[in-house]
Structure formats: C-alpha cells, structure tokens
Amino acid sequence: MFKWLLRPKSTAYESDTTRFMRDFLRKHPEVIKKQHEGRALWWDKEPKPAEEVPVQRSLGKAGGAEYLTRVEKNDIAGETGN
C-alpha cells in the first residue's frame, strides 16, 4: 500500500547544513567525544532496581473535584426562561 515508504532514499542530494555538519565533525572529532560524554551524563545509565525506586507517599492534592462546577436552581431556571 505505502511502497514509497519502503524505497531507499536517494543519496544524490545533501543539504548545505548536513554537508557543513559532516565537514565540521570530521575536522573536530573532540566535539563528538564531548557529545558522548554529555549523553552519558543523562541517558547511558542502568535502570534502578525495583527496591531503590522511591515509594510515592501521597496521591497528591488534585482529586478531580476542582473541575466540577456547582449548578444552582436559579441558574437552570434562568436558562429555560422560567
């Protein structure tokens, strides 16, 4: 059905930005090393075991009731024209 999605993309065109980034990173390999170090700070970590995950002590204050509005008889009578 969507065979055009599965076709390999043409590599003939390369944008100026892509070309610049490839050339820049080829000339400055230390930037790639810094990228890997920065990524390791936040993402390259093992997940915590289940016993180390902090327990949620409360369900919080929002219960949904704050979204309900109170309807008075006078409001309903005013809408119907009574």
PDB file of N, CA and C in Angstrom:
ATOM      1  N   MET A   1       0.812  -1.183   0.000  1.00  0.00           N
ATOM      2  CA  MET A   1       0.000   0.000   0.000  1.00  0.00           C
ATOM      3  C   MET A   1       0.863   1.258   0.000  1.00  0.00           C
ATOM      4  N   PHE A   2       1.794   1.354   0.944  1.00  0.00           N
ATOM      5  CA  PHE A   2       2.687   2.503   1.002  1.00  0.00           C
ATOM      6  C   PHE A   2       4.092   2.069   0.611  1.00  0.00           C
ATOM      7  N   LYS A   3       4.236   1.567  -0.579  1.00  0.00           N
ATOM      8  CA  LYS A   3       5.536   1.063  -1.030  1.00  0.00           C
ATOM      9  C   LYS A   3       6.578   2.168  -1.118  1.00  0.00           C
ATOM     10  N   TRP A   4       6.131   3.404  -1.346  1.00  0.00           N
ATOM     11  CA  TRP A   4       7.080   4.510  -1.445  1.00  0.00           C
ATOM     12  C   TRP A   4       7.796   4.753  -0.113  1.00  0.00           C
ATOM     13  N   LEU A   5       7.190   4.331   0.994  1.00  0.00           N
ATOM     14  CA  LEU A   5       7.851   4.479   2.290  1.00  0.00           C
ATOM     15  C   LEU A   5       9.020   3.513   2.442  1.00  0.00           C
ATOM     16  N   LEU A   6       8.936   2.371   1.776  1.00  0.00           N
ATOM     17  CA  LEU A   6       9.953   1.340   1.920  1.00  0.00           C
ATOM     18  C   LEU A   6      11.110   1.492   0.947  1.00  0.00           C
ATOM     19  N   ARG A   7      10.949   2.365  -0.032  1.00  0.00           N
ATOM     20  CA  ARG A   7      12.024   2.563  -1.007  1.00  0.00           C
ATOM     21  C   ARG A   7      13.224   3.229  -0.361  1.00  0.00           C
ATOM     22  N   PRO A   8      14.433   2.839  -0.748  1.00  0.00           N
ATOM     23  CA  PRO A   8      15.608   3.530  -0.226  1.00  0.00           C
ATOM     24  C   PRO A   8      15.637   4.966  -0.740  1.00  0.00           C
ATOM     25  N   LYS A   9      16.025   5.879   0.114  1.00  0.00           N
ATOM     26  CA  LYS A   9      16.060   7.284  -0.275  1.00  0.00           C
ATOM     27  C   LYS A   9      17.283   7.554  -1.144  1.00  0.00           C
ATOM     28  N   SER A  10      17.131   8.485  -2.018  1.00  0.00           N
ATOM     29  CA  SER A  10      18.228   8.869  -2.899  1.00  0.00           C
ATOM     30  C   SER A  10      19.295   9.602  -2.093  1.00  0.00           C
ATOM     31  N   THR A  11      20.532   9.272  -2.340  1.00  0.00           N
ATOM     32  CA  THR A  11      21.632   9.930  -1.628  1.00  0.00           C
ATOM     33  C   THR A  11      22.298  10.989  -2.498  1.00  0.00           C
ATOM     34  N   ALA A  12      21.687  11.330  -3.611  1.00  0.00           N
ATOM     35  CA  ALA A  12      22.280  12.313  -4.506  1.00  0.00           C
ATOM     36  C   ALA A  12      22.243  13.710  -3.892  1.00  0.00           C
ATOM     37  N   TYR A  13      21.173  14.053  -3.185  1.00  0.00           N
ATOM     38  CA  TYR A  13      21.057  15.389  -2.614  1.00  0.00           C
ATOM     39  C   TYR A  13      21.507  15.384  -1.160  1.00  0.00           C
ATOM     40  N   GLU A  14      22.278  16.396  -0.804  1.00  0.00           N
ATOM     41  CA  GLU A  14      22.692  16.579   0.576  1.00  0.00           C
ATOM     42  C   GLU A  14      22.624  18.070   0.866  1.00  0.00           C
ATOM     43  N   SER A  15      21.883  18.437   1.910  1.00  0.00           N
ATOM     44  CA  SER A  15      21.692  19.856   2.199  1.00  0.00           C
ATOM     45  C   SER A  15      22.998  20.509   2.634  1.00  0.00           C
ATOM     46  N   ASP A  16      23.002  21.820   2.572  1.00  0.00           N
ATOM     47  CA  ASP A  16      24.178  22.579   2.989  1.00  0.00           C
ATOM     48  C   ASP A  16      24.473  22.354   4.471  1.00  0.00           C
ATOM     49  N   THR A  17      23.415  22.283   5.269  1.00  0.00           N
ATOM     50  CA  THR A  17      23.586  22.087   6.704  1.00  0.00           C
ATOM     51  C   THR A  17      24.206  20.725   6.992  1.00  0.00           C
ATOM     52  N   THR A  18      23.720  19.692   6.316  1.00  0.00           N
ATOM     53  CA  THR A  18      24.269  18.350   6.514  1.00  0.00           C
ATOM     54  C   THR A  18      25.730  18.305   6.090  1.00  0.00           C
ATOM     55  N   ARG A  19      26.021  18.907   4.971  1.00  0.00           N
ATOM     56  CA  ARG A  19      27.395  18.943   4.485  1.00  0.00           C
ATOM     57  C   ARG A  19      28.306  19.679   5.466  1.00  0.00           C
ATOM     58  N   PHE A  20      27.812  20.820   5.988  1.00  0.00           N
ATOM     59  CA  PHE A  20      28.590  21.583   6.957  1.00  0.00           C
ATOM     60  C   PHE A  20      28.866  20.750   8.206  1.00  0.00           C
ATOM     61  N   MET A  21      27.827  20.087   8.729  1.00  0.00           N
ATOM     62  CA  MET A  21      27.999  19.301   9.953  1.00  0.00           C
ATOM     63  C   MET A  21      28.966  18.141   9.735  1.00  0.00           C
ATOM     64  N   ARG A  22      28.864  17.466   8.604  1.00  0.00           N
ATOM     65  CA  ARG A  22      29.797  16.361   8.318  1.00  0.00           C
ATOM     66  C   ARG A  22      31.235  16.864   8.265  1.00  0.00           C
ATOM     67  N   ASP A  23      31.454  17.974   7.568  1.00  0.00           N
ATOM     68  CA  ASP A  23      32.803  18.532   7.456  1.00  0.00           C
ATOM     69  C   ASP A  23      33.311  19.018   8.813  1.00  0.00           C
ATOM     70  N   PHE A  24      32.441  19.705   9.558  1.00  0.00           N
ATOM     71  CA  PHE A  24      32.834  20.218  10.864  1.00  0.00           C
ATOM     72  C   PHE A  24      33.230  19.087  11.802  1.00  0.00           C
ATOM     73  N   LEU A  25      32.413  18.034  11.862  1.00  0.00           N
ATOM     74  CA  LEU A  25      32.710  16.921  12.765  1.00  0.00           C
ATOM     75  C   LEU A  25      33.935  16.128  12.305  1.00  0.00           C
ATOM     76  N   ARG A  26      34.182  16.112  11.023  1.00  0.00           N
ATOM     77  CA  ARG A  26      35.379  15.440  10.518  1.00  0.00           C
ATOM     78  C   ARG A  26      36.627  16.211  10.948  1.00  0.00           C
ATOM     79  N   LYS A  27      36.540  17.548  10.962  1.00  0.00           N
ATOM     80  CA  LYS A  27      37.680  18.384  11.349  1.00  0.00           C
ATOM     81  C   LYS A  27      37.819  18.513  12.869  1.00  0.00           C
ATOM     82  N   HIS A  28      36.738  18.314  13.609  1.00  0.00           N
ATOM     83  CA  HIS A  28      36.744  18.494  15.060  1.00  0.00           C
ATOM     84  C   HIS A  28      36.204  17.250  15.764  1.00  0.00           C
ATOM     85  N   PRO A  29      36.967  16.174  15.810  1.00  0.00           N
ATOM     86  CA  PRO A  29      36.478  14.940  16.444  1.00  0.00           C
ATOM     87  C   PRO A  29      36.273  15.078  17.956  1.00  0.00           C
ATOM     88  N   GLU A  30      36.873  16.096  18.568  1.00  0.00           N
ATOM     89  CA  GLU A  30      36.676  16.292  20.009  1.00  0.00           C
ATOM     90  C   GLU A  30      35.225  16.647  20.344  1.00  0.00           C
ATOM     91  N   VAL A  31      34.510  17.225  19.382  1.00  0.00           N
ATOM     92  CA  VAL A  31      33.104  17.565  19.604  1.00  0.00           C
ATOM     93  C   VAL A  31      32.283  16.286  19.764  1.00  0.00           C
ATOM     94  N   ILE A  32      32.581  15.288  18.973  1.00  0.00           N
ATOM     95  CA  ILE A  32      31.864  14.010  19.077  1.00  0.00           C
ATOM     96  C   ILE A  32      32.133  13.379  20.438  1.00  0.00           C
ATOM     97  N   LYS A  33      33.365  13.470  20.903  1.00  0.00           N
ATOM     98  CA  LYS A  33      33.700  12.918  22.213  1.00  0.00           C
ATOM     99  C   LYS A  33      32.915  13.643  23.316  1.00  0.00           C
ATOM    100  N   LYS A  34      32.813  14.975  23.218  1.00  0.00           N
ATOM    101  CA  LYS A  34      32.047  15.739  24.211  1.00  0.00           C
ATOM    102  C   LYS A  34      30.562  15.388  24.139  1.00  0.00           C
ATOM    103  N   GLN A  35      30.056  15.131  22.942  1.00  0.00           N
ATOM    104  CA  GLN A  35      28.652  14.735  22.801  1.00  0.00           C
ATOM    105  C   GLN A  35      28.399  13.411  23.523  1.00  0.00           C
ATOM    106  N   HIS A  36      29.308  12.478  23.352  1.00  0.00           N
ATOM    107  CA  HIS A  36      29.160  11.176  24.010  1.00  0.00           C
ATOM    108  C   HIS A  36      29.235  11.313  25.526  1.00  0.00           C
ATOM    109  N   GLU A  37      30.133  12.176  26.015  1.00  0.00           N
ATOM    110  CA  GLU A  37      30.246  12.390  27.462  1.00  0.00           C
ATOM    111  C   GLU A  37      28.973  13.025  28.011  1.00  0.00           C
ATOM    112  N   GLY A  38      28.425  13.994  27.296  1.00  0.00           N
ATOM    113  CA  GLY A  38      27.199  14.642  27.736  1.00  0.00           C
ATOM    114  C   GLY A  38      26.018  13.690  27.730  1.00  0.00           C
ATOM    115  N   ARG A  39      25.966  12.846  26.722  1.00  0.00           N
ATOM    116  CA  ARG A  39      24.879  11.870  26.644  1.00  0.00           C
ATOM    117  C   ARG A  39      24.992  10.868  27.778  1.00  0.00           C
ATOM    118  N   ALA A  40      26.202  10.491  28.129  1.00  0.00           N
ATOM    119  CA  ALA A  40      26.413   9.520  29.202  1.00  0.00           C
ATOM    120  C   ALA A  40      25.960  10.074  30.544  1.00  0.00           C
ATOM    121  N   LEU A  41      26.017  11.403  30.711  1.00  0.00           N
ATOM    122  CA  LEU A  41      25.565  12.009  31.952  1.00  0.00           C
ATOM    123  C   LEU A  41      24.091  11.731  32.223  1.00  0.00           C
ATOM    124  N   TRP A  42      23.279  11.786  31.178  1.00  0.00           N
ATOM    125  CA  TRP A  42      21.839  11.721  31.369  1.00  0.00           C
ATOM    126  C   TRP A  42      21.212  10.411  30.923  1.00  0.00           C
ATOM    127  N   TRP A  43      21.711   9.794  29.871  1.00  0.00           N
ATOM    128  CA  TRP A  43      20.978   8.687  29.261  1.00  0.00           C
ATOM    129  C   TRP A  43      21.629   7.325  29.412  1.00  0.00           C
ATOM    130  N   ASP A  44      22.906   7.247  29.356  1.00  0.00           N
ATOM    131  CA  ASP A  44      23.578   5.946  29.358  1.00  0.00           C
ATOM    132  C   ASP A  44      23.742   5.424  30.772  1.00  0.00           C
ATOM    133  N   LYS A  45      22.633   5.098  31.407  1.00  0.00           N
ATOM    134  CA  LYS A  45      22.663   4.587  32.766  1.00  0.00           C
ATOM    135  C   LYS A  45      21.787   3.345  32.852  1.00  0.00           C
ATOM    136  N   GLU A  46      22.140   2.490  33.769  1.00  0.00           N
ATOM    137  CA  GLU A  46      21.328   1.300  34.014  1.00  0.00           C
ATOM    138  C   GLU A  46      20.100   1.700  34.827  1.00  0.00           C
ATOM    139  N   PRO A  47      18.958   1.078  34.567  1.00  0.00           N
ATOM    140  CA  PRO A  47      17.780   1.398  35.371  1.00  0.00           C
ATOM    141  C   PRO A  47      17.961   0.952  36.816  1.00  0.00           C
ATOM    142  N   LYS A  48      17.330   1.683  37.728  1.00  0.00           N
ATOM    143  CA  LYS A  48      17.437   1.345  39.139  1.00  0.00           C
ATOM    144  C   LYS A  48      16.654   0.064  39.423  1.00  0.00           C
ATOM    145  N   PRO A  49      17.180  -0.777  40.304  1.00  0.00           N
ATOM    146  CA  PRO A  49      16.415  -1.958  40.712  1.00  0.00           C
ATOM    147  C   PRO A  49      15.131  -1.524  41.418  1.00  0.00           C
ATOM    148  N   ALA A  50      14.135  -2.400  41.447  1.00  0.00           N
ATOM    149  CA  ALA A  50      12.819  -2.062  41.982  1.00  0.00           C
ATOM    150  C   ALA A  50      12.885  -1.613  43.432  1.00  0.00           C
ATOM    151  N   GLU A  51      13.781  -2.167  44.248  1.00  0.00           N
ATOM    152  CA  GLU A  51      13.826  -1.800  45.659  1.00  0.00           C
ATOM    153  C   GLU A  51      14.399  -0.395  45.875  1.00  0.00           C
ATOM    154  N   GLU A  52      15.081   0.172  44.901  1.00  0.00           N
ATOM    155  CA  GLU A  52      15.645   1.501  45.059  1.00  0.00           C
ATOM    156  C   GLU A  52      14.717   2.603  44.549  1.00  0.00           C
ATOM    157  N   VAL A  53      13.632   2.237  43.923  1.00  0.00           N
ATOM    158  CA  VAL A  53      12.704   3.235  43.408  1.00  0.00           C
ATOM    159  C   VAL A  53      11.942   3.828  44.593  1.00  0.00           C
ATOM    160  N   PRO A  54      11.909   5.159  44.725  1.00  0.00           N
ATOM    161  CA  PRO A  54      11.220   5.751  45.870  1.00  0.00           C
ATOM    162  C   PRO A  54       9.721   5.459  45.827  1.00  0.00           C
ATOM    163  N   VAL A  55       9.153   5.259  47.006  1.00  0.00           N
ATOM    164  CA  VAL A  55       7.733   4.962  47.130  1.00  0.00           C
ATOM    165  C   VAL A  55       6.969   6.275  47.154  1.00  0.00           C
ATOM    166  N   GLN A  56       5.878   6.336  46.404  1.00  0.00           N
ATOM    167  CA  GLN A  56       5.055   7.534  46.406  1.00  0.00           C
ATOM    168  C   GLN A  56       4.266   7.572  47.712  1.00  0.00           C
ATOM    169  N   ARG A  57       4.438   8.625  48.490  1.00  0.00           N
ATOM    170  CA  ARG A  57       3.839   8.683  49.825  1.00  0.00           C
ATOM    171  C   ARG A  57       2.438   9.265  49.823  1.00  0.00           C
ATOM    172  N   SER A  58       2.056   9.983  48.784  1.00  0.00           N
ATOM    173  CA  SER A  58       0.709  10.537  48.748  1.00  0.00           C
ATOM    174  C   SER A  58       0.198  10.507  47.321  1.00  0.00           C
ATOM    175  N   LEU A  59      -1.084  10.614  47.198  1.00  0.00           N
ATOM    176  CA  LEU A  59      -1.685  10.626  45.877  1.00  0.00           C
ATOM    177  C   LEU A  59      -1.774  12.032  45.312  1.00  0.00           C
ATOM    178  N   GLY A  60      -1.359  12.999  46.087  1.00  0.00           N
ATOM    179  CA  GLY A  60      -1.407  14.367  45.619  1.00  0.00           C
ATOM    180  C   GLY A  60      -2.701  15.037  46.047  1.00  0.00           C
ATOM    181  N   LYS A  61      -2.825  16.320  45.745  1.00  0.00           N
ATOM    182  CA  LYS A  61      -3.980  17.083  46.180  1.00  0.00           C
ATOM    183  C   LYS A  61      -5.104  17.080  45.160  1.00  0.00           C
ATOM    184  N   ALA A  62      -4.782  16.951  43.904  1.00  0.00           N
ATOM    185  CA  ALA A  62      -5.816  17.025  42.880  1.00  0.00           C
ATOM    186  C   ALA A  62      -6.621  15.737  42.855  1.00  0.00           C
ATOM    187  N   GLY A  63      -7.919  15.861  43.016  1.00  0.00           N
ATOM    188  CA  GLY A  63      -8.775  14.687  43.002  1.00  0.00           C
ATOM    189  C   GLY A  63      -9.796  14.747  41.894  1.00  0.00           C
ATOM    190  N   GLY A  64      -9.843  15.847  41.177  1.00  0.00           N
ATOM    191  CA  GLY A  64     -10.786  15.988  40.086  1.00  0.00           C
ATOM    192  C   GLY A  64     -11.995  16.820  40.448  1.00  0.00           C
ATOM    193  N   ALA A  65     -12.295  16.959  41.738  1.00  0.00           N
ATOM    194  CA  ALA A  65     -13.472  17.706  42.151  1.00  0.00           C
ATOM    195  C   ALA A  65     -13.343  19.190  41.818  1.00  0.00           C
ATOM    196  N   GLU A  66     -12.128  19.684  41.697  1.00  0.00           N
ATOM    197  CA  GLU A  66     -11.950  21.100  41.402  1.00  0.00           C
ATOM    198  C   GLU A  66     -12.403  21.466  39.996  1.00  0.00           C
ATOM    199  N   TYR A  67     -12.638  20.472  39.160  1.00  0.00           N
ATOM    200  CA  TYR A  67     -13.088  20.738  37.803  1.00  0.00           C
ATOM    201  C   TYR A  67     -14.608  20.731  37.693  1.00  0.00           C
ATOM    202  N   LEU A  68     -15.286  20.300  38.733  1.00  0.00           N
ATOM    203  CA  LEU A  68     -16.741  20.281  38.724  1.00  0.00           C
ATOM    204  C   LEU A  68     -17.264  21.665  39.080  1.00  0.00           C
ATOM    205  N   THR A  69     -18.355  22.059  38.469  1.00  0.00           N
ATOM    206  CA  THR A  69     -18.961  23.334  38.807  1.00  0.00           C
ATOM    207  C   THR A  69     -20.289  23.075  39.487  1.00  0.00           C
ATOM    208  N   ARG A  70     -20.632  23.947  40.377  1.00  0.00           N
ATOM    209  CA  ARG A  70     -21.865  23.790  41.125  1.00  0.00           C
ATOM    210  C   ARG A  70     -22.971  24.509  40.370  1.00  0.00           C
ATOM    211  N   VAL A  71     -24.074  23.822  40.139  1.00  0.00           N
ATOM    212  CA  VAL A  71     -25.196  24.397  39.412  1.00  0.00           C
ATOM    213  C   VAL A  71     -26.316  24.657  40.415  1.00  0.00           C
ATOM    214  N   GLU A  72     -26.791  25.877  40.446  1.00  0.00           N
ATOM    215  CA  GLU A  72     -27.884  26.267  41.333  1.00  0.00           C
ATOM    216  C   GLU A  72     -29.211  26.194  40.584  1.00  0.00           C
ATOM    217  N   LYS A  73     -30.296  26.085  41.327  1.00  0.00           N
ATOM    218  CA  LYS A  73     -31.627  26.056  40.705  1.00  0.00           C
ATOM    219  C   LYS A  73     -31.897  27.342  39.942  1.00  0.00           C
ATOM    220  N   ASN A  74     -31.434  28.458  40.482  1.00  0.00           N
ATOM    221  CA  ASN A  74     -31.665  29.747  39.822  1.00  0.00           C
ATOM    222  C   ASN A  74     -30.970  29.799  38.467  1.00  0.00           C
ATOM    223  N   ASP A  75     -29.796  29.174  38.355  1.00  0.00           N
ATOM    224  CA  ASP A  75     -29.081  29.160  37.083  1.00  0.00           C
ATOM    225  C   ASP A  75     -29.860  28.385  36.028  1.00  0.00           C
ATOM    226  N   ILE A  76     -30.425  27.252  36.422  1.00  0.00           N
ATOM    227  CA  ILE A  76     -31.181  26.423  35.481  1.00  0.00           C
ATOM    228  C   ILE A  76     -32.468  27.132  35.095  1.00  0.00           C
ATOM    229  N   ALA A  77     -33.173  27.744  36.040  1.00  0.00           N
ATOM    230  CA  ALA A  77     -34.418  28.442  35.759  1.00  0.00           C
ATOM    231  C   ALA A  77     -34.165  29.622  34.835  1.00  0.00           C
ATOM    232  N   GLY A  78     -33.027  30.295  35.000  1.00  0.00           N
ATOM    233  CA  GLY A  78     -32.716  31.442  34.156  1.00  0.00           C
ATOM    234  C   GLY A  78     -32.478  31.032  32.722  1.00  0.00           C
ATOM    235  N   GLU A  79     -31.937  29.830  32.503  1.00  0.00           N
ATOM    236  CA  GLU A  79     -31.636  29.367  31.156  1.00  0.00           C
ATOM    237  C   GLU A  79     -32.901  28.946  30.417  1.00  0.00           C
ATOM    238  N   THR A  80     -33.844  28.366  31.122  1.00  0.00           N
ATOM    239  CA  THR A  80     -35.057  27.863  30.462  1.00  0.00           C
ATOM    240  C   THR A  80     -36.096  28.953  30.272  1.00  0.00           C
ATOM    241  N   GLY A  81     -35.897  30.110  30.921  1.00  0.00           N
ATOM    242  CA  GLY A  81     -36.835  31.208  30.735  1.00  0.00           C
ATOM    243  C   GLY A  81     -37.941  31.201  31.752  1.00  0.00           C
ATOM    244  N   ASN A  82     -37.879  30.404  32.802  1.00  0.00           N
ATOM    245  CA  ASN A  82     -38.916  30.350  33.841  1.00  0.00           C
ATOM    246  C   ASN A  82     -38.759  31.463  34.830  1.00  0.00           C
TER     247      ASN A  82
END
